[in-house]
Protein backbone atom coordinates (compact mmCIF):
# COMPACT_ATOMS: atom_id res chain seq x y z
CA ALA A 1 19.98 -24.53 31.06
CA ALA A 2 20.07 -21.72 33.70
CA THR A 3 19.01 -23.97 36.40
CA LEU A 4 21.55 -26.54 35.76
CA VAL A 5 24.38 -23.74 35.40
CA ALA A 6 23.44 -22.27 38.71
CA ASP A 7 23.43 -25.31 40.48
CA LEU A 8 27.05 -26.00 38.91
CA VAL A 9 28.55 -22.67 40.53
CA ARG A 10 26.50 -23.25 43.77
CA SER A 11 28.49 -26.32 43.85
CA GLY A 12 31.84 -24.53 43.42
CA ILE A 13 32.25 -25.13 39.75
CA LYS A 14 33.96 -22.41 37.69
CA ILE A 15 32.50 -22.01 33.79
CA GLU A 16 34.69 -19.96 31.51
CA ARG A 17 32.25 -19.41 28.36
CA GLY A 18 33.17 -18.59 25.13
CA ALA A 19 36.58 -19.85 25.50
CA GLN A 20 38.76 -22.55 24.06
CA VAL A 21 42.26 -24.19 24.83
CA LYS A 22 45.08 -22.75 23.11
CA LYS A 23 47.94 -24.39 24.61
CA PHE A 24 48.33 -26.80 27.05
CA HIS A 25 51.61 -26.60 29.65
CA VAL A 26 52.29 -30.08 31.44
CA PRO A 27 54.88 -30.69 34.19
CA LYS A 28 57.54 -33.25 33.74
CA GLY A 29 59.09 -34.72 36.44
CA ASN A 30 56.60 -33.30 39.27
CA VAL A 31 53.56 -35.29 39.44
CA LYS A 32 52.32 -32.76 42.44
CA ALA A 33 52.35 -29.26 39.83
CA PRO A 34 49.35 -28.33 38.28
CA ILE A 35 48.29 -28.65 34.31
CA ILE A 36 48.14 -24.82 32.99
CA LEU A 37 45.89 -24.77 30.16
CA ASP A 38 46.44 -21.06 27.69
CA LEU A 39 42.32 -19.73 26.99
CA GLU A 40 41.59 -17.98 23.69
CA ALA A 41 38.14 -16.72 22.63
CA LYS A 42 36.01 -19.69 21.15
CA GLY A 43 36.89 -19.69 17.11
CA GLY A 44 40.26 -18.33 18.12
CA GLY A 45 41.88 -14.74 19.34
CA PRO A 46 42.23 -13.13 22.72
CA ARG A 47 40.17 -13.01 25.33
CA SER A 48 38.12 -9.75 26.74
CA PRO A 49 40.36 -8.02 29.43
CA THR A 50 38.47 -9.20 32.33
CA ALA A 51 38.51 -12.89 31.39
CA ALA A 52 40.87 -15.47 32.41
CA THR A 53 43.74 -16.13 30.49
CA ASP A 54 44.48 -19.69 32.00
CA VAL A 55 43.44 -22.25 34.29
CA LYS A 56 45.26 -24.65 36.44
CA CYS A 57 43.83 -28.27 36.83
CA ASP A 58 44.93 -31.44 38.10
CA VAL A 59 43.25 -33.68 35.38
CA TYR A 60 42.21 -32.17 31.93
CA ILE A 61 38.94 -34.03 30.23
CA ALA A 62 37.48 -33.20 26.97
CA ALA A 63 33.88 -34.62 26.21
CA VAL A 64 34.56 -35.07 22.23
CA GLY A 65 31.50 -37.42 22.10
CA ARG A 66 31.43 -40.87 20.87
CA LYS A 67 31.63 -42.69 17.10
CA PRO A 68 30.53 -46.11 16.01
CA ASN A 69 32.43 -48.90 16.80
CA THR A 70 32.43 -50.60 13.06
CA ALA A 71 35.96 -50.60 11.53
CA ASN A 72 36.88 -54.06 12.19
CA LEU A 73 33.17 -55.09 10.72
CA ASN A 74 34.41 -55.15 6.84
CA LEU A 75 31.69 -53.01 5.90
CA ALA A 76 33.39 -52.60 2.41
CA GLY A 77 33.23 -56.32 1.79
CA ALA A 78 29.20 -56.11 1.96
CA GLY A 79 29.07 -53.32 0.08
CA ILE A 80 28.27 -51.12 2.64
CA GLN A 81 30.11 -47.32 2.60
CA PRO A 82 29.86 -45.79 6.18
CA ASP A 83 29.42 -42.03 6.92
CA SER A 84 32.34 -39.56 7.90
CA TYR A 85 32.02 -41.02 11.62
CA GLY A 86 32.11 -44.85 10.74
CA GLY A 87 28.14 -45.41 11.08
CA ILE A 88 26.48 -47.31 9.13
CA GLU A 89 23.72 -45.33 6.79
CA VAL A 90 20.07 -46.71 6.61
CA ASP A 91 16.67 -45.70 5.19
CA SER A 92 13.79 -45.66 6.85
CA ARG A 93 13.28 -49.29 7.32
CA LEU A 94 17.11 -49.47 8.72
CA GLN A 95 17.74 -51.36 5.59
CA ALA A 96 21.82 -50.67 4.89
CA ASN A 97 22.92 -49.49 1.43
CA ALA A 98 24.66 -52.96 1.04
CA ASN A 99 24.82 -55.53 -2.03
CA GLY A 100 21.92 -57.26 -2.56
CA GLY A 101 19.94 -55.00 -0.03
CA ASP A 102 20.07 -57.96 2.92
CA VAL A 103 21.63 -56.27 5.61
CA TYR A 104 19.78 -54.31 8.33
CA ALA A 105 21.51 -52.41 11.10
CA ALA A 106 20.45 -51.01 14.41
CA GLY A 107 21.79 -49.55 17.79
CA ASP A 108 25.09 -47.92 18.28
CA VAL A 109 26.59 -48.56 14.75
CA LEU A 110 23.92 -46.65 13.31
CA GLY A 111 25.37 -43.56 15.20
CA ARG A 112 23.38 -41.03 17.57
CA PRO A 113 21.48 -41.01 19.87
CA PHE A 114 23.17 -43.80 21.23
CA LEU A 115 20.72 -45.08 23.59
CA ALA A 116 20.01 -48.46 24.98
CA SER A 117 16.21 -48.12 24.57
CA THR A 118 16.52 -46.48 20.98
CA GLY A 119 18.81 -49.14 19.96
CA MET A 120 16.25 -51.82 21.38
CA ALA A 121 13.23 -50.22 19.72
CA GLN A 122 15.61 -50.01 16.40
CA GLY A 123 16.11 -53.94 16.45
CA TYR A 124 12.85 -54.45 17.02
CA ALA A 125 11.86 -52.61 13.79
CA ALA A 126 14.47 -54.04 11.92
CA ILE A 127 13.25 -57.58 12.54
CA GLN A 128 9.59 -56.41 12.05
CA ASN A 129 11.12 -54.98 8.66
CA MET A 130 12.82 -58.12 7.78
CA PHE A 131 10.47 -60.45 8.13
CA ALA A 132 7.49 -58.31 7.03
CA GLU A 133 5.90 -60.90 4.51
CA ASP A 134 6.16 -63.92 6.65
CA LEU A 135 4.07 -61.61 9.57
CA ILE A 136 1.44 -61.32 7.32
CA GLU A 137 0.98 -64.75 6.39
CA LYS A 138 1.12 -65.50 10.05
CA ASN A 139 -1.79 -63.00 10.58
CA GLY A 140 -3.71 -64.56 8.22
CA VAL A 141 -3.56 -61.79 6.03
CA VAL A 142 -2.36 -63.35 2.90
CA GLY A 143 -2.30 -66.90 1.88
CA ASP A 144 -2.59 -69.07 -0.97
CA ASP A 145 -6.18 -68.54 -1.13
CA ASP A 146 -6.74 -67.43 -5.21
CA SER A 147 -10.06 -65.35 -4.19
CA VAL A 148 -7.41 -62.90 -2.64
CA ASP A 149 -8.05 -59.97 -5.13
CA LYS A 150 -5.96 -56.60 -5.62
CA GLU A 151 -7.51 -54.81 -3.14
CA ASP A 152 -7.33 -57.14 -0.62
CA ASP A 153 -3.46 -57.53 -1.41
CA ASP A 154 -3.16 -53.57 -1.37
CA GLU A 155 -4.83 -53.87 2.39
CA ALA A 156 -2.03 -56.53 3.14
CA GLU A 157 0.60 -54.26 2.19
CA ASP A 158 -0.53 -51.29 4.41
CA SER A 159 -0.87 -54.04 7.34
CA ALA A 160 2.51 -54.84 6.62
CA ASP A 161 3.57 -51.37 6.91
CA SER A 162 1.75 -50.83 10.38
CA SER A 163 2.95 -54.40 11.65
CA THR A 164 6.67 -52.78 10.86
CA ALA A 165 6.21 -49.96 13.36
CA CYS A 166 7.74 -50.62 16.92
CA LYS A 167 5.09 -51.30 19.30
CA ILE A 168 7.65 -50.98 22.83
CA GLY A 169 9.27 -48.03 24.42
CA GLU A 170 8.42 -44.51 24.24
CA ILE A 171 9.92 -44.40 20.48
CA CYS A 172 5.94 -44.48 18.95
CA MET A 173 4.48 -40.99 19.34
CA THR A 174 4.60 -39.95 15.39
CA GLY A 175 5.62 -41.73 12.61
CA GLU A 176 6.93 -45.44 12.01
CA ASN A 177 10.29 -44.76 11.36
CA PHE A 178 13.64 -45.28 13.68
CA ASP A 179 16.25 -44.25 11.51
CA PRO A 180 18.75 -41.64 13.16
CA LYS A 181 17.42 -38.76 11.03
CA SER A 182 13.94 -39.42 11.66
CA LEU A 183 14.55 -39.76 15.55
CA ALA A 184 16.52 -36.42 15.95
CA SER A 185 13.70 -34.63 13.68
CA ASN A 186 11.09 -35.61 15.99
CA PRO A 187 10.96 -34.11 19.37
CA PHE A 188 8.26 -37.05 20.47
CA ALA A 189 10.64 -39.99 19.56
CA PHE A 190 12.00 -40.32 23.13
CA PRO A 191 12.60 -38.60 26.49
CA ILE A 192 15.69 -37.11 26.53
CA GLY A 193 17.94 -37.24 30.11
CA VAL A 194 21.03 -36.11 30.90
CA TRP A 195 22.50 -37.87 34.11
CA SER A 196 24.40 -35.05 35.46
CA SER A 197 23.87 -33.60 39.07
CA PRO A 198 21.63 -32.37 39.07
CA GLU A 199 19.45 -34.67 36.47
CA ALA A 200 18.05 -32.87 33.11
CA SER A 201 15.49 -34.11 31.25
CA TYR A 202 12.66 -33.20 29.05
CA TYR A 203 9.64 -34.45 26.17
CA GLY A 204 7.95 -32.56 23.42
CA LEU A 205 8.17 -29.36 22.44
CA SER A 206 9.95 -26.09 24.13
CA SER A 207 8.13 -22.82 23.67
CA GLN A 208 10.56 -21.80 20.96
CA GLN A 209 9.50 -24.38 18.88
CA CYS A 210 5.70 -23.92 19.46
CA GLU A 211 6.45 -20.74 18.26
CA GLU A 212 8.07 -21.95 15.13
CA MET A 213 4.91 -24.30 14.57
CA GLY A 214 2.56 -21.32 15.17
CA ILE A 215 1.38 -22.28 18.49
CA ASP A 216 0.65 -19.56 20.88
CA ALA A 217 2.27 -21.69 23.97
CA GLY A 218 2.55 -20.96 27.97
CA GLU A 219 4.72 -21.99 30.55
CA GLY A 220 3.74 -23.19 34.22
CA VAL A 221 6.76 -23.39 36.19
CA ALA A 222 7.04 -25.16 39.42
CA LEU A 223 10.43 -24.97 41.59
CA TYR A 224 11.42 -28.12 44.08
CA SER A 225 11.40 -26.05 46.95
CA GLU A 226 7.74 -25.60 46.47
CA CYS A 227 6.88 -28.89 46.97
CA LEU A 228 6.90 -30.84 50.30
CA ARG A 229 9.54 -33.41 48.90
CA GLY A 230 11.65 -30.73 47.23
CA LEU A 231 11.40 -28.58 50.23
CA VAL A 232 13.01 -31.11 52.46
CA PHE A 233 15.42 -33.63 50.28
CA SER A 234 16.33 -31.63 47.16
CA PRO A 235 15.19 -27.52 46.97
CA ASN A 236 17.19 -26.80 43.96
CA GLY A 237 15.65 -27.34 40.80
CA LEU A 238 12.15 -26.69 38.64
CA LEU A 239 9.61 -28.33 36.35
CA LYS A 240 8.17 -26.91 33.41
CA LEU A 241 5.28 -27.45 31.37
CA VAL A 242 4.84 -26.18 27.94
CA PHE A 243 1.15 -25.55 26.99
CA ASP A 244 -1.27 -24.80 24.12
CA LYS A 245 -2.85 -21.49 25.53
CA GLU A 246 -5.96 -22.02 23.21
CA THR A 247 -6.69 -25.52 24.19
CA GLY A 248 -5.01 -25.92 27.35
CA GLN A 249 -2.90 -29.04 25.70
CA ILE A 250 0.58 -29.91 27.21
CA MET A 251 2.83 -30.12 24.11
CA GLY A 252 6.20 -30.65 26.59
CA VAL A 253 7.71 -31.25 29.72
CA HIS A 254 11.07 -30.03 30.73
CA ILE A 255 12.37 -30.74 34.28
CA CYS A 256 16.24 -30.42 35.84
CA GLY A 257 16.77 -31.48 39.76
CA ASP A 258 16.78 -34.92 41.29
CA ASP A 259 14.93 -37.73 39.62
CA ALA A 260 14.18 -35.79 36.81
CA CYS A 261 15.13 -38.54 34.37
CA GLU A 262 12.05 -40.60 36.34
CA LEU A 263 10.07 -38.02 36.58
CA ILE A 264 9.77 -37.29 32.84
CA HIS A 265 8.61 -40.35 31.67
CA TYR A 266 5.13 -39.09 33.19
CA GLY A 267 5.11 -36.09 31.66
CA MET A 268 5.87 -37.57 28.56
CA GLU A 269 2.39 -39.70 28.95
CA LEU A 270 1.01 -36.28 29.48
CA VAL A 271 2.17 -35.21 26.47
CA LYS A 272 1.25 -38.33 24.11
CA ALA A 273 -2.03 -38.86 25.38
CA GLU A 274 -2.84 -35.00 24.91
CA ARG A 275 -3.91 -34.24 28.31
CA THR A 276 -4.66 -30.46 29.31
CA ILE A 277 -3.61 -28.31 31.88
CA ASP A 278 -6.90 -28.69 33.48
CA ASP A 279 -6.56 -32.37 33.36
CA VAL A 280 -3.56 -32.14 35.84
CA LEU A 281 -5.20 -30.02 38.15
CA SER A 282 -8.31 -32.80 38.36
CA ASN A 283 -5.77 -35.18 39.90
CA LEU A 284 -4.75 -35.43 43.29
CA TYR A 285 -0.98 -35.92 44.02
CA SER A 286 0.20 -37.42 47.15
CA ALA A 287 2.48 -34.87 49.20
CA VAL A 288 5.35 -35.73 49.71
CA THR A 289 6.44 -36.86 46.41
CA PHE A 290 8.20 -34.98 43.19
CA HIS A 291 4.96 -35.31 41.11
CA GLU A 292 3.27 -32.68 42.99
CA MET A 293 5.07 -30.34 40.94
CA TYR A 294 2.92 -30.94 37.78
CA ARG A 295 -0.18 -29.90 39.67
CA ILE A 296 2.09 -26.65 41.18
CA ALA A 297 3.49 -26.42 37.48
CA ALA A 298 -0.16 -26.91 36.29
CA LEU A 299 -1.62 -23.95 38.73
CA ALA A 300 0.93 -21.59 37.78
CA ALA A 301 -0.16 -22.13 34.34
CA GLN A 302 -3.66 -20.47 35.28
CA ASP A 303 -2.48 -17.96 37.65
CA PRO A 304 0.78 -16.39 36.47
CA ALA A 305 1.11 -13.56 38.45
CA GLY A 306 0.08 -15.54 41.10
CA ALA A 307 2.94 -18.27 40.71
CA ARG A 308 5.70 -15.25 40.29
CA LYS A 309 5.02 -14.19 43.43
CA ARG A 310 5.04 -18.11 45.43
CA ARG A 311 8.14 -18.45 43.23
CA ALA A 312 9.63 -14.97 44.60
CA ALA A 313 9.02 -16.26 48.10
CA ALA A 314 10.21 -19.65 47.55
CA GLY A 315 13.44 -18.09 45.86
CA LYS A 316 14.47 -15.97 48.36
CA ALA A 317 13.80 -18.60 51.36
CA LEU A 318 16.06 -21.07 49.32
CA THR A 319 18.88 -18.29 48.81
CA ARG A 320 18.99 -17.75 52.84
CA ARG A 321 18.95 -21.47 53.38
CA ASN A 322 22.05 -22.08 50.89
CA ARG A 323 23.74 -18.75 52.07
CA GLY A 324 23.33 -20.51 55.73
CA VAL A 325 24.80 -23.64 54.50
CA ARG A 326 27.73 -22.36 52.82
CA GLU A 327 28.66 -20.11 55.97
CA GLN A 328 28.76 -23.33 58.15
């Protein structure tokens, strides 16, 4: 987060922390006059004496989020009670609380995370759940043969449960449930991508999450300016590997910089395959690629003191470079 904020500041964007808009002053009759926003402290009340009390702008945009577009679906007619945001509530099998229990839902109508990848995975899983019995018969687990005993029936049910698991995308790290609550509580469900400038992305656990789970975690950090491609084309940003100090297993990957939302998928595979810092170091990465940062971060994990010195040197060089660009 700090890396993203720093890049925004370098781009000339002013960030007012701990503030909210109290009043709008919209000019009338003069399209060239700015909009003036009176600010107050977050939650109400005056701001500190050194903080800005107003902001002038040409356009005001508020990011208030999204809501499921279900108002015209006549959900009540099917006996479906949506949540407070209009989302269809489902169980772990993506089955809605409709009359008769024959309604399933997937995608944006469920609410968060509002992603195409998770929506497709939910759709696949919902169809598997709808036709679980047909899939069992198709696979030859259950038939008309009277010789199938109860134990075999139990095994068939277990097979049905496993067959409903999603088999596409990056959503199958743990568990078989793709309802919004399960996705929100599972850090291994899918990679998070923020298509800002620069991009930000992560997969797996953070150091704080590891600590809460009783894992003694370390971090290996690589700056974009430490790899050749980053130094030449895009020096601002970093890649971080979170790992278990005892085993070296990589628990999470966090990236902020150009192509972060592309780079995260390799990091996701490292986490899902339970790769270690040593595994990363044993691989050879092409020099003029951002993937070289994975090896640099792994080296930093093994030699934190040396890595801090290298990052400090790279940071100083980058600061001089950025200062020179601004002066020009």
